[in-house]
């Protein structure tokens, strides 16, 4: 008597978990868009993303929480972040005039 031997192939799926680090907006408040100090745990809202595409400096003001102290120090001491802050202020004033 012949027996058939069945071979089962088990395919394991690897689940890729992408960790999203909490981010904080350190720029000026832009009414209807974002408030200074807003914390984001689950990505950036569409309205802020759209504004950041219009004015890329705003995107630079959305920093990882691990970079927050350094970003605030740069803003306080007129470091590189202050350039982005100034551009965000210009954007705010330009949009406020409309």
N, C-alpha and C. Protein backbone atom coordinates (compact mmCIF):
# COMPACT_ATOMS: atom_id res chain seq x y z
N UNK A 1 0.83 -1.16 0.00
CA UNK A 1 0.00 0.00 0.00
C UNK A 1 0.89 1.24 0.00
N UNK A 2 0.53 2.16 -0.86
CA UNK A 2 1.29 3.38 -0.98
C UNK A 2 0.57 4.50 -0.23
N UNK A 3 1.31 5.23 0.53
CA UNK A 3 0.70 6.37 1.24
C UNK A 3 1.22 7.66 0.62
N UNK A 4 0.34 8.58 0.54
CA UNK A 4 0.74 9.88 0.03
C UNK A 4 1.21 10.74 1.20
N UNK A 5 2.23 11.36 0.98
CA UNK A 5 2.77 12.25 1.99
C UNK A 5 2.43 13.68 1.59
N UNK A 6 1.72 14.35 2.43
CA UNK A 6 1.35 15.72 2.12
C UNK A 6 2.30 16.69 2.82
N UNK A 7 2.72 17.61 2.06
CA UNK A 7 3.60 18.62 2.62
C UNK A 7 2.85 19.94 2.68
N UNK A 8 2.83 20.52 3.82
CA UNK A 8 2.19 21.82 3.98
C UNK A 8 3.27 22.89 4.06
N UNK A 9 3.03 23.91 3.31
CA UNK A 9 3.94 25.04 3.35
C UNK A 9 3.28 26.14 4.17
N UNK A 10 3.99 26.53 5.17
CA UNK A 10 3.47 27.58 6.02
C UNK A 10 4.20 28.87 5.66
N UNK A 11 3.42 29.85 5.28
CA UNK A 11 3.99 31.14 4.94
C UNK A 11 3.72 32.09 6.10
N UNK A 12 4.76 32.56 6.65
CA UNK A 12 4.61 33.50 7.75
C UNK A 12 4.68 34.91 7.19
N UNK A 13 3.72 35.68 7.60
CA UNK A 13 3.72 37.08 7.18
C UNK A 13 4.37 37.91 8.27
N UNK A 14 5.24 38.76 7.82
CA UNK A 14 5.86 39.67 8.76
C UNK A 14 5.02 40.93 8.79
N UNK A 15 4.65 41.29 9.98
CA UNK A 15 3.91 42.54 10.08
C UNK A 15 4.92 43.66 10.36
N UNK A 16 4.81 44.67 9.57
CA UNK A 16 5.70 45.80 9.71
C UNK A 16 4.97 46.86 10.51
N UNK A 17 5.53 47.16 11.64
CA UNK A 17 4.94 48.17 12.50
C UNK A 17 5.82 49.42 12.40
N UNK A 18 5.22 50.46 11.92
CA UNK A 18 5.96 51.71 11.78
C UNK A 18 5.63 52.58 12.98
N UNK A 19 6.65 52.87 13.74
CA UNK A 19 6.44 53.71 14.91
C UNK A 19 6.44 55.17 14.48
N UNK A 20 5.44 55.87 14.93
CA UNK A 20 5.34 57.28 14.62
C UNK A 20 5.72 58.05 15.88
N UNK A 21 6.77 58.83 15.76
CA UNK A 21 7.20 59.61 16.92
C UNK A 21 6.32 60.84 17.06
N UNK A 22 6.00 61.16 18.28
CA UNK A 22 5.20 62.34 18.57
C UNK A 22 5.93 63.58 18.09
N UNK A 23 5.16 64.50 17.48
CA UNK A 23 5.74 65.74 16.98
C UNK A 23 5.04 66.93 17.60
N UNK A 24 5.74 68.07 17.60
CA UNK A 24 5.23 69.30 18.19
C UNK A 24 5.45 70.43 17.20
N UNK A 25 4.45 71.29 17.09
CA UNK A 25 4.59 72.48 16.24
C UNK A 25 5.15 73.61 17.09
N UNK A 26 6.31 74.15 16.69
CA UNK A 26 6.97 75.19 17.48
C UNK A 26 6.91 76.57 16.82
N UNK A 27 6.12 76.68 15.77
CA UNK A 27 5.99 77.95 15.07
C UNK A 27 4.89 78.82 15.66
N UNK A 28 4.64 79.94 15.01
CA UNK A 28 3.60 80.86 15.49
C UNK A 28 2.21 80.30 15.23
N UNK A 29 1.24 80.73 16.04
CA UNK A 29 -0.14 80.32 15.82
C UNK A 29 -0.62 80.91 14.50
N UNK A 30 -1.24 80.05 13.69
CA UNK A 30 -1.85 80.48 12.43
C UNK A 30 -3.33 80.16 12.56
N UNK A 31 -4.17 81.18 12.75
CA UNK A 31 -5.60 80.94 12.99
C UNK A 31 -6.24 80.03 11.94
N UNK A 32 -7.01 79.08 12.43
CA UNK A 32 -7.69 78.14 11.55
C UNK A 32 -6.82 77.01 11.04
N UNK A 33 -5.53 77.05 11.41
CA UNK A 33 -4.61 76.03 10.92
C UNK A 33 -3.93 75.29 12.07
N UNK A 34 -3.21 76.05 12.91
CA UNK A 34 -2.42 75.42 13.97
C UNK A 34 -2.14 76.43 15.09
N UNK A 35 -2.02 75.90 16.29
CA UNK A 35 -1.68 76.71 17.46
C UNK A 35 -0.28 76.32 17.92
N UNK A 36 0.50 77.32 18.29
CA UNK A 36 1.85 77.04 18.77
C UNK A 36 1.81 76.05 19.93
N UNK A 37 2.69 75.05 19.88
CA UNK A 37 2.77 74.06 20.94
C UNK A 37 1.85 72.86 20.76
N UNK A 38 1.13 72.79 19.64
CA UNK A 38 0.24 71.66 19.41
C UNK A 38 1.05 70.39 19.25
N UNK A 39 0.59 69.32 19.89
CA UNK A 39 1.27 68.03 19.86
C UNK A 39 0.49 67.09 18.95
N UNK A 40 1.23 66.36 18.10
CA UNK A 40 0.62 65.41 17.17
C UNK A 40 1.14 64.01 17.44
N UNK A 41 0.21 63.10 17.72
CA UNK A 41 0.57 61.70 17.98
C UNK A 41 0.28 60.80 16.79
N UNK A 42 -0.68 61.17 15.96
CA UNK A 42 -1.12 60.30 14.87
C UNK A 42 -1.01 60.98 13.52
N UNK A 43 0.09 61.62 13.27
CA UNK A 43 0.28 62.30 12.00
C UNK A 43 -0.18 63.75 12.04
N UNK A 44 0.01 64.40 10.93
CA UNK A 44 -0.30 65.83 10.80
C UNK A 44 -1.65 65.99 10.12
N UNK A 45 -2.51 66.89 10.62
CA UNK A 45 -3.81 67.11 10.00
C UNK A 45 -3.67 67.62 8.56
N UNK A 46 -4.67 67.33 7.74
CA UNK A 46 -4.63 67.72 6.33
C UNK A 46 -4.47 69.23 6.14
N UNK A 47 -5.18 70.01 6.95
CA UNK A 47 -5.10 71.47 6.79
C UNK A 47 -3.68 71.98 7.03
N UNK A 48 -3.00 71.44 8.03
CA UNK A 48 -1.62 71.85 8.31
C UNK A 48 -0.68 71.33 7.22
N UNK A 49 -0.92 70.13 6.76
CA UNK A 49 -0.11 69.56 5.69
C UNK A 49 -0.21 70.41 4.42
N UNK A 50 -1.41 70.86 4.11
CA UNK A 50 -1.63 71.71 2.92
C UNK A 50 -0.89 73.04 3.05
N UNK A 51 -0.96 73.64 4.23
CA UNK A 51 -0.27 74.91 4.46
C UNK A 51 1.25 74.71 4.40
N UNK A 52 1.72 73.59 4.93
CA UNK A 52 3.16 73.29 4.92
C UNK A 52 3.65 73.09 3.49
N UNK A 53 2.79 72.61 2.62
CA UNK A 53 3.19 72.48 1.20
C UNK A 53 3.25 73.85 0.54
N UNK A 54 2.38 74.74 0.97
CA UNK A 54 2.36 76.10 0.44
C UNK A 54 3.56 76.91 0.94
N UNK A 55 3.91 76.71 2.22
CA UNK A 55 5.06 77.39 2.83
C UNK A 55 5.91 76.34 3.54
N UNK A 56 6.93 75.80 2.85
CA UNK A 56 7.75 74.71 3.40
C UNK A 56 8.41 75.00 4.75
N UNK A 57 8.64 76.25 5.08
CA UNK A 57 9.26 76.58 6.37
C UNK A 57 8.40 76.08 7.53
N UNK A 58 7.10 76.05 7.34
CA UNK A 58 6.18 75.58 8.39
C UNK A 58 6.44 74.12 8.71
N UNK A 59 6.73 73.35 7.68
CA UNK A 59 7.03 71.93 7.89
C UNK A 59 8.27 71.76 8.77
N UNK A 60 9.22 72.67 8.65
CA UNK A 60 10.43 72.60 9.47
C UNK A 60 10.16 72.94 10.93
N UNK A 61 9.02 73.53 11.20
CA UNK A 61 8.65 73.89 12.58
C UNK A 61 7.84 72.79 13.27
N UNK A 62 7.62 71.69 12.57
CA UNK A 62 6.97 70.52 13.15
C UNK A 62 8.10 69.55 13.49
N UNK A 63 8.46 69.50 14.75
CA UNK A 63 9.66 68.75 15.16
C UNK A 63 9.31 67.54 16.01
N UNK A 64 10.19 66.55 15.96
CA UNK A 64 10.04 65.38 16.82
C UNK A 64 10.17 65.83 18.26
N UNK A 65 9.43 65.18 19.12
CA UNK A 65 9.44 65.54 20.55
C UNK A 65 10.86 65.45 21.12
N UNK A 66 11.65 64.53 20.58
CA UNK A 66 13.03 64.38 21.06
C UNK A 66 13.90 65.58 20.67
N UNK A 67 13.45 66.39 19.73
CA UNK A 67 14.19 67.57 19.27
C UNK A 67 13.62 68.87 19.85
N UNK A 68 12.56 68.78 20.62
CA UNK A 68 11.85 69.95 21.11
C UNK A 68 12.74 70.92 21.89
N UNK A 69 13.50 70.44 22.84
CA UNK A 69 14.34 71.32 23.65
C UNK A 69 15.35 72.07 22.78
N UNK A 70 15.95 71.36 21.83
CA UNK A 70 16.92 71.99 20.94
C UNK A 70 16.25 73.04 20.05
N UNK A 71 15.08 72.70 19.53
CA UNK A 71 14.35 73.64 18.66
C UNK A 71 13.99 74.91 19.43
N UNK A 72 13.49 74.76 20.64
CA UNK A 72 13.14 75.93 21.44
C UNK A 72 14.37 76.77 21.78
N UNK A 73 15.47 76.10 22.04
CA UNK A 73 16.72 76.81 22.34
C UNK A 73 17.18 77.60 21.10
N UNK A 74 17.07 76.99 19.93
CA UNK A 74 17.44 77.70 18.69
C UNK A 74 16.54 78.91 18.46
N UNK A 75 15.25 78.77 18.76
CA UNK A 75 14.33 79.89 18.60
C UNK A 75 14.66 81.01 19.57
N UNK A 76 14.97 80.65 20.78
CA UNK A 76 15.29 81.63 21.83
C UNK A 76 16.57 82.39 21.52
N UNK A 77 17.54 81.70 20.93
CA UNK A 77 18.87 82.27 20.69
C UNK A 77 19.11 82.64 19.22
N UNK A 78 18.05 82.86 18.48
CA UNK A 78 18.15 83.23 17.07
C UNK A 78 18.99 82.25 16.25
N UNK A 79 18.81 80.97 16.53
CA UNK A 79 19.49 79.92 15.76
C UNK A 79 18.76 79.66 14.46
N UNK A 80 19.13 78.59 13.77
CA UNK A 80 18.54 78.25 12.47
C UNK A 80 17.01 78.16 12.46
N UNK A 81 16.42 77.69 13.53
CA UNK A 81 14.95 77.56 13.58
C UNK A 81 14.26 78.91 13.51
N UNK A 82 14.94 79.96 13.94
CA UNK A 82 14.33 81.29 13.93
C UNK A 82 14.07 81.79 12.51
N UNK A 83 14.84 81.31 11.54
CA UNK A 83 14.61 81.66 10.14
C UNK A 83 13.28 81.09 9.67
N UNK A 84 13.02 79.82 10.03
CA UNK A 84 11.76 79.19 9.65
C UNK A 84 10.58 79.87 10.35
N UNK A 85 10.80 80.26 11.61
CA UNK A 85 9.76 80.94 12.38
C UNK A 85 9.39 82.26 11.71
N UNK A 86 10.41 83.01 11.27
CA UNK A 86 10.18 84.30 10.61
C UNK A 86 9.39 84.10 9.30
N UNK A 87 9.72 83.06 8.57
CA UNK A 87 8.99 82.79 7.32
C UNK A 87 7.55 82.40 7.61
N UNK A 88 7.34 81.66 8.69
CA UNK A 88 5.97 81.30 9.07
C UNK A 88 5.19 82.54 9.48
N UNK A 89 5.83 83.47 10.17
CA UNK A 89 5.18 84.74 10.53
C UNK A 89 4.79 85.53 9.28
N UNK A 90 5.69 85.56 8.30
CA UNK A 90 5.39 86.24 7.04
C UNK A 90 4.17 85.60 6.36
N UNK A 91 4.14 84.27 6.37
CA UNK A 91 3.00 83.56 5.77
C UNK A 91 1.71 83.92 6.50
N UNK A 92 1.78 83.93 7.83
CA UNK A 92 0.61 84.25 8.65
C UNK A 92 0.10 85.65 8.33
N UNK A 93 1.01 86.62 8.25
CA UNK A 93 0.62 88.00 7.96
C UNK A 93 0.05 88.13 6.55
N UNK A 94 0.66 87.43 5.61
CA UNK A 94 0.19 87.47 4.22
C UNK A 94 -1.22 86.89 4.10
N UNK A 95 -1.46 85.79 4.79
CA UNK A 95 -2.78 85.14 4.73
C UNK A 95 -3.81 85.91 5.56
N UNK A 96 -3.34 86.62 6.57
CA UNK A 96 -4.25 87.40 7.42
C UNK A 96 -4.79 88.64 6.72
N UNK A 97 -4.07 89.10 5.73
CA UNK A 97 -4.49 90.30 4.99
C UNK A 97 -5.65 90.02 4.05
N UNK A 98 -5.86 88.77 3.74
CA UNK A 98 -6.93 88.43 2.77
C UNK A 98 -8.28 88.40 3.40
